[in-house]
Amino acid sequence: MRYIPYFDAHCDALHYCMEHGEALHSHSGQCDLRRLSGYRPWGQMFAIYQDSARCAPEELPRCVSAQLDLYFQARARYGEWMEHCHLSIEGAELIGCDPARLEEVHGWGVRSINLTWNHSNDLAGAVGTDKGLTDLGRVFVREAERLGIYLDVSHLSDRAFRDLAGMAERPLVATHSNSRAVYPARRNLTDDMFCTIRDMGGVVGLNAYSPFVADCPTPEDLIRHLEHFLALGGENTLCLGCDFDGSSGRSSGLRGVEDIGELYDLLARRGYGENLLDDVFYNNLARVIG
């Protein structure tokens, strides 16, 4: 029996577990350690997330700490399983948009960070706005790059993306973004954005969350995004970024991480070779994040 590899750039399992009082090992959502362990090898980027617009500022540190506790409790018990797991931060407002805190979060195991979530902040404009990088945002970017924390563009405005690409010295990542040419969700990437990330040696995570895939999508619709990115020369750029546990169960016909093997098999039946699929499902993200 050959195991299918799996390395995914973005899930919200920590926030889901915090909200539902469940554990990372096994829970009622879409992505937990029990199901992830069915892949070989496997890795997962676990996002720390909280909608700051719906949370009092004084509550944000508690939410971050609660998710960190869930992650470190799991690592203490299942460390061998989680060798290739890392943290990300979805929205720098969760650390006060403070460049001085980046060394601290790097110590937690954070390896990528979104300058913004869906709300603009002191660093940059969010998707749907015309705000670019601020002066503080540029300082933040330089410090993140110095520490080896990747900048995640999945929630940036188009202008902020251009500003960031113009100053970045390390590869950019889009951990959970699809193709705007295939489906015109504003959170998806234009072809030019994808090619910029490709040329910088970064990765783009295929997002299963239905509003970024199609109207009433199926796995076939998700494959349309994959094939479009491959047609742009993305065989070394494309990875998985399914957005499980942040997608309210609307994941293009996928129940959760347990169905990723079916997606792999569907692509294999369409003639995609093992080497290419292993790159998309594991190696490309592992090359960047490690």
Protein backbone atom coordinates (compact mmCIF):
# COMPACT_ATOMS: atom_id res chain seq x y z
CA MET A 1 0.00 0.00 0.00
CA ARG A 2 1.31 3.44 -0.96
CA TYR A 3 0.35 6.31 1.30
CA ILE A 4 -0.68 9.64 -0.18
CA PRO A 5 1.40 12.60 1.06
CA TYR A 6 -0.28 15.71 2.44
CA PHE A 7 1.05 19.12 3.45
CA ASP A 8 -1.47 21.95 3.70
CA ALA A 9 -0.68 25.65 4.10
CA HIS A 10 -3.80 26.81 5.96
CA CYS A 11 -6.49 25.53 8.29
CA ASP A 12 -8.45 27.12 11.15
CA ALA A 13 -8.62 24.04 13.36
CA LEU A 14 -7.18 25.87 16.38
CA HIS A 15 -9.91 28.51 16.28
CA TYR A 16 -12.55 25.85 15.69
CA CYS A 17 -11.38 23.83 18.69
CA MET A 18 -11.27 26.95 20.87
CA GLU A 19 -14.82 27.91 19.91
CA HIS A 20 -16.21 24.39 20.39
CA GLY A 21 -14.20 23.33 23.44
CA GLU A 22 -12.64 20.39 21.60
CA ALA A 23 -9.13 19.00 21.20
CA LEU A 24 -6.83 19.14 18.19
CA HIS A 25 -6.36 15.38 18.18
CA SER A 26 -9.99 14.58 17.31
CA HIS A 27 -12.88 17.00 16.89
CA SER A 28 -16.16 17.51 15.06
CA GLY A 29 -14.73 19.84 12.41
CA GLN A 30 -12.81 19.16 9.23
CA CYS A 31 -9.13 18.77 10.13
CA ASP A 32 -7.66 17.00 13.16
CA LEU A 33 -4.55 15.00 13.96
CA ARG A 34 -6.36 11.66 13.90
CA ARG A 35 -7.41 12.13 10.28
CA LEU A 36 -4.15 13.78 9.24
CA SER A 37 -2.23 10.75 10.48
CA GLY A 38 -3.77 8.74 7.65
CA TYR A 39 -1.32 10.39 5.24
CA ARG A 40 2.41 9.67 4.87
CA PRO A 41 4.25 11.96 5.12
CA TRP A 42 2.03 14.77 6.35
CA GLY A 43 2.30 18.31 7.61
CA GLN A 44 -0.08 21.14 8.42
CA MET A 45 0.13 24.89 8.92
CA PHE A 46 -2.22 25.74 11.78
CA ALA A 47 -3.46 29.33 11.69
CA ILE A 48 -4.02 31.45 14.77
CA TYR A 49 -7.09 33.52 13.91
CA GLN A 50 -9.70 35.77 15.45
CA ASP A 51 -11.98 38.33 13.79
CA SER A 52 -10.77 41.47 15.53
CA ALA A 53 -13.89 43.41 14.47
CA ARG A 54 -16.05 41.05 16.54
CA CYS A 55 -13.75 40.81 19.52
CA ALA A 56 -12.96 43.46 22.13
CA PRO A 57 -9.29 44.48 21.92
CA GLU A 58 -8.62 43.26 25.42
CA GLU A 59 -9.93 39.81 24.44
CA LEU A 60 -7.53 39.30 21.53
CA PRO A 61 -4.56 38.20 23.68
CA ARG A 62 -6.77 35.64 25.44
CA CYS A 63 -7.90 34.19 22.12
CA VAL A 64 -4.32 33.95 20.87
CA SER A 65 -3.18 32.31 24.11
CA ALA A 66 -6.05 29.82 24.06
CA GLN A 67 -5.13 28.68 20.55
CA LEU A 68 -1.45 28.47 21.42
CA ASP A 69 -2.33 26.32 24.43
CA LEU A 70 -4.29 23.92 22.21
CA TYR A 71 -1.37 23.64 19.82
CA PHE A 72 1.32 23.11 22.45
CA GLN A 73 -0.81 20.64 24.39
CA ALA A 74 -1.11 18.59 21.20
CA ARG A 75 2.61 18.84 20.50
CA ALA A 76 3.44 17.72 24.03
CA ARG A 77 1.36 14.58 23.58
CA TYR A 78 1.71 13.85 19.87
CA GLY A 79 5.08 15.40 19.07
CA GLU A 80 6.21 12.60 16.75
CA TRP A 81 3.07 12.99 14.66
CA MET A 82 3.49 16.77 14.46
CA GLU A 83 7.10 16.93 13.32
CA HIS A 84 6.10 18.85 10.18
CA CYS A 85 3.49 21.13 11.75
CA HIS A 86 3.95 24.87 12.03
CA LEU A 87 1.95 27.93 13.04
CA SER A 88 0.79 30.94 11.07
CA ILE A 89 -0.91 34.16 12.14
CA GLU A 90 -3.93 35.30 10.14
CA GLY A 91 -3.89 39.05 10.63
CA ALA A 92 -1.06 40.97 12.27
CA GLU A 93 -3.52 42.87 14.44
CA LEU A 94 -3.45 39.75 16.63
CA ILE A 95 0.01 40.86 17.74
CA GLY A 96 -0.78 44.57 17.70
CA CYS A 97 0.86 45.10 14.28
CA ASP A 98 4.08 45.35 16.29
CA PRO A 99 7.34 44.44 14.53
CA ALA A 100 8.99 44.04 17.92
CA ARG A 101 6.80 40.99 18.62
CA LEU A 102 7.88 39.06 15.56
CA GLU A 103 10.87 37.50 17.32
CA GLU A 104 8.51 36.27 20.05
CA VAL A 105 6.07 34.67 17.61
CA HIS A 106 8.92 33.11 15.63
CA GLY A 107 9.83 31.40 18.88
CA TRP A 108 6.30 29.96 19.08
CA GLY A 109 6.87 28.29 15.70
CA VAL A 110 5.13 30.86 13.48
CA ARG A 111 6.49 30.55 9.94
CA SER A 112 4.06 32.72 7.97
CA ILE A 113 1.92 35.75 8.74
CA ASN A 114 -0.83 37.66 6.97
CA LEU A 115 -0.30 41.40 7.28
CA THR A 116 -4.10 41.71 7.30
CA TRP A 117 -7.15 39.53 7.52
CA ASN A 118 -10.33 41.01 5.97
CA HIS A 119 -9.86 44.36 7.71
CA SER A 120 -7.22 46.97 6.91
CA ASN A 121 -4.90 47.77 9.79
CA ASP A 122 -1.83 49.86 10.59
CA LEU A 123 0.34 47.79 8.25
CA ALA A 124 -1.60 47.45 5.01
CA GLY A 125 -4.90 47.49 3.14
CA ALA A 126 -7.09 44.42 3.12
CA VAL A 127 -8.77 42.84 0.12
CA GLY A 128 -11.42 45.08 -1.44
CA THR A 129 -9.65 48.33 -0.52
CA ASP A 130 -7.21 50.53 -2.42
CA LYS A 131 -4.85 50.92 0.53
CA GLY A 132 -1.26 49.76 0.13
CA LEU A 133 1.57 49.14 2.57
CA THR A 134 2.14 51.77 5.24
CA ASP A 135 5.55 52.89 6.49
CA LEU A 136 5.04 50.69 9.55
CA GLY A 137 4.07 47.85 7.24
CA ARG A 138 7.42 48.15 5.47
CA VAL A 139 9.26 47.97 8.78
CA PHE A 140 7.20 44.92 9.70
CA VAL A 141 8.02 43.22 6.39
CA ARG A 142 11.74 43.77 6.79
CA GLU A 143 11.73 42.31 10.30
CA ALA A 144 9.63 39.32 9.27
CA GLU A 145 12.00 38.59 6.42
CA ARG A 146 15.02 38.92 8.68
CA LEU A 147 13.57 36.24 10.95
CA GLY A 148 12.56 33.93 8.10
CA ILE A 149 8.81 34.43 8.54
CA TYR A 150 7.04 34.29 5.17
CA LEU A 151 4.60 37.03 4.19
CA ASP A 152 1.20 35.61 3.26
CA VAL A 153 -0.66 37.69 0.66
CA SER A 154 -3.98 35.81 0.74
CA HIS A 155 -5.93 38.69 2.32
CA LEU A 156 -4.07 41.71 0.95
CA SER A 157 -5.49 44.39 -1.32
CA ASP A 158 -4.20 44.36 -4.88
CA ARG A 159 -2.26 47.56 -4.20
CA ALA A 160 -0.71 46.17 -1.03
CA PHE A 161 0.28 43.05 -2.96
CA ARG A 162 2.09 45.18 -5.53
CA ASP A 163 3.80 47.21 -2.80
CA LEU A 164 4.91 44.06 -1.01
CA ALA A 165 6.12 42.33 -4.17
CA GLY A 166 8.12 45.44 -5.02
CA MET A 167 10.09 45.36 -1.78
CA ALA A 168 10.18 41.68 -0.77
CA GLU A 169 13.55 39.94 -0.78
CA ARG A 170 12.22 36.48 0.08
CA PRO A 171 9.54 34.35 -1.60
CA LEU A 172 5.93 35.38 -1.03
CA VAL A 173 3.21 32.85 -0.23
CA ALA A 174 -0.55 32.85 -0.75
CA THR A 175 -1.56 30.09 1.62
CA HIS A 176 -5.23 29.85 0.60
CA SER A 177 -6.07 31.62 -2.67
CA ASN A 178 -7.48 30.43 -6.00
CA SER A 179 -7.56 31.86 -9.53
CA ARG A 180 -9.51 35.04 -10.19
CA ALA A 181 -9.56 34.18 -13.90
CA VAL A 182 -11.45 30.95 -13.13
CA TYR A 183 -13.80 32.45 -10.54
CA PRO A 184 -13.89 36.22 -9.90
CA ALA A 185 -13.84 36.25 -6.10
CA ARG A 186 -11.85 39.29 -5.02
CA ARG A 187 -9.79 37.16 -2.63
CA ASN A 188 -8.47 35.11 -5.54
CA LEU A 189 -5.24 35.88 -7.37
CA THR A 190 -4.90 37.41 -10.81
CA ASP A 191 -2.65 35.60 -13.26
CA ASP A 192 -0.03 38.33 -12.81
CA MET A 193 -0.08 37.83 -9.03
CA PHE A 194 0.34 34.08 -9.42
CA CYS A 195 3.23 34.52 -11.82
CA THR A 196 4.90 37.00 -9.47
CA ILE A 197 4.76 34.45 -6.65
CA ARG A 198 5.94 31.74 -9.05
CA ASP A 199 8.92 33.79 -10.19
CA MET A 200 9.89 34.58 -6.58
CA GLY A 201 9.96 30.88 -5.67
CA GLY A 202 6.90 31.02 -3.42
CA VAL A 203 3.81 28.85 -3.20
CA VAL A 204 0.05 29.25 -3.69
CA GLY A 205 -2.35 27.05 -1.71
CA LEU A 206 -5.41 25.67 -3.49
CA ASN A 207 -8.43 26.73 -1.42
CA ALA A 208 -11.45 24.40 -1.15
CA TYR A 209 -13.71 27.03 0.48
CA SER A 210 -16.73 27.24 -1.83
CA PRO A 211 -17.00 31.07 -2.18
CA PHE A 212 -13.55 31.08 -3.80
CA VAL A 213 -14.16 28.11 -6.12
CA ALA A 214 -17.50 28.39 -7.99
CA ASP A 215 -21.24 28.64 -7.48
CA CYS A 216 -22.28 25.34 -5.83
CA PRO A 217 -18.85 23.83 -6.49
CA THR A 218 -17.75 20.22 -6.74
CA PRO A 219 -14.22 18.77 -6.69
CA GLU A 220 -14.23 19.18 -10.49
CA ASP A 221 -14.55 22.95 -10.04
CA LEU A 222 -11.62 22.94 -7.64
CA ILE A 223 -9.59 21.08 -10.25
CA ARG A 224 -10.31 23.88 -12.74
CA HIS A 225 -8.29 26.23 -10.52
CA LEU A 226 -5.49 23.69 -10.23
CA GLU A 227 -5.35 23.20 -13.98
CA HIS A 228 -5.35 26.94 -14.64
CA PHE A 229 -2.39 27.46 -12.30
CA LEU A 230 -0.56 24.51 -13.87
CA ALA A 231 -1.09 26.07 -17.29
CA LEU A 232 0.72 29.15 -15.95
CA GLY A 233 3.79 27.04 -15.20
CA GLY A 234 2.81 26.43 -11.60
CA GLU A 235 3.97 22.85 -11.17
CA ASN A 236 6.58 23.99 -8.60
CA THR A 237 4.34 26.70 -7.12
CA LEU A 238 0.99 25.08 -6.45
CA CYS A 239 0.28 23.43 -3.09
CA LEU A 240 -2.72 22.77 -0.86
CA GLY A 241 -4.33 25.45 1.32
CA CYS A 242 -7.76 23.99 1.86
CA ASP A 243 -9.00 26.39 4.57
CA PHE A 244 -10.58 23.52 6.52
CA ASP A 245 -12.43 24.52 9.70
CA GLY A 246 -12.63 28.08 8.41
CA SER A 247 -15.03 27.18 5.64
CA SER A 248 -18.21 26.46 7.63
CA GLY A 249 -18.43 23.03 6.01
CA ARG A 250 -18.63 24.57 2.50
CA SER A 251 -15.59 22.89 0.97
CA SER A 252 -16.36 22.06 -2.66
CA GLY A 253 -17.91 18.71 -1.89
CA LEU A 254 -15.10 17.67 0.46
CA ARG A 255 -16.18 16.69 3.96
CA GLY A 256 -12.76 17.43 5.36
CA VAL A 257 -9.15 16.35 5.28
CA GLU A 258 -10.21 12.70 5.05
CA ASP A 259 -11.38 13.33 1.45
CA ILE A 260 -8.09 14.68 0.12
CA GLY A 261 -7.06 11.18 -0.92
CA GLU A 262 -10.11 11.07 -3.19
CA LEU A 263 -9.01 14.32 -4.82
CA TYR A 264 -5.52 12.85 -5.37
CA ASP A 265 -7.02 9.72 -6.94
CA LEU A 266 -9.34 11.78 -9.15
CA LEU A 267 -6.36 13.70 -10.51
CA ALA A 268 -4.40 10.48 -11.03
CA ARG A 269 -7.27 9.04 -13.08
CA ARG A 270 -7.16 12.17 -15.24
CA GLY A 271 -3.58 11.33 -16.15
CA TYR A 272 -1.57 13.45 -13.75
CA GLY A 273 1.65 11.67 -12.79
CA GLU A 274 2.73 10.67 -9.32
CA ASN A 275 5.70 13.05 -9.28
CA LEU A 276 3.56 16.10 -10.11
CA LEU A 277 0.85 15.14 -7.62
CA ASP A 278 3.38 14.54 -4.86
CA ASP A 279 4.84 18.00 -5.56
CA VAL A 280 1.42 19.67 -5.32
CA PHE A 281 0.21 17.66 -2.34
CA TYR A 282 3.46 17.83 -0.34
CA ASN A 283 6.84 18.73 -1.82
CA ASN A 284 6.29 22.31 -3.00
CA LEU A 285 5.16 23.55 0.40
CA ALA A 286 7.81 21.48 2.17
CA ARG A 287 10.48 23.09 0.01
CA VAL A 288 9.44 26.58 1.15
CA ILE A 289 8.26 26.05 4.73
CA GLY A 290 10.29 22.95 5.52
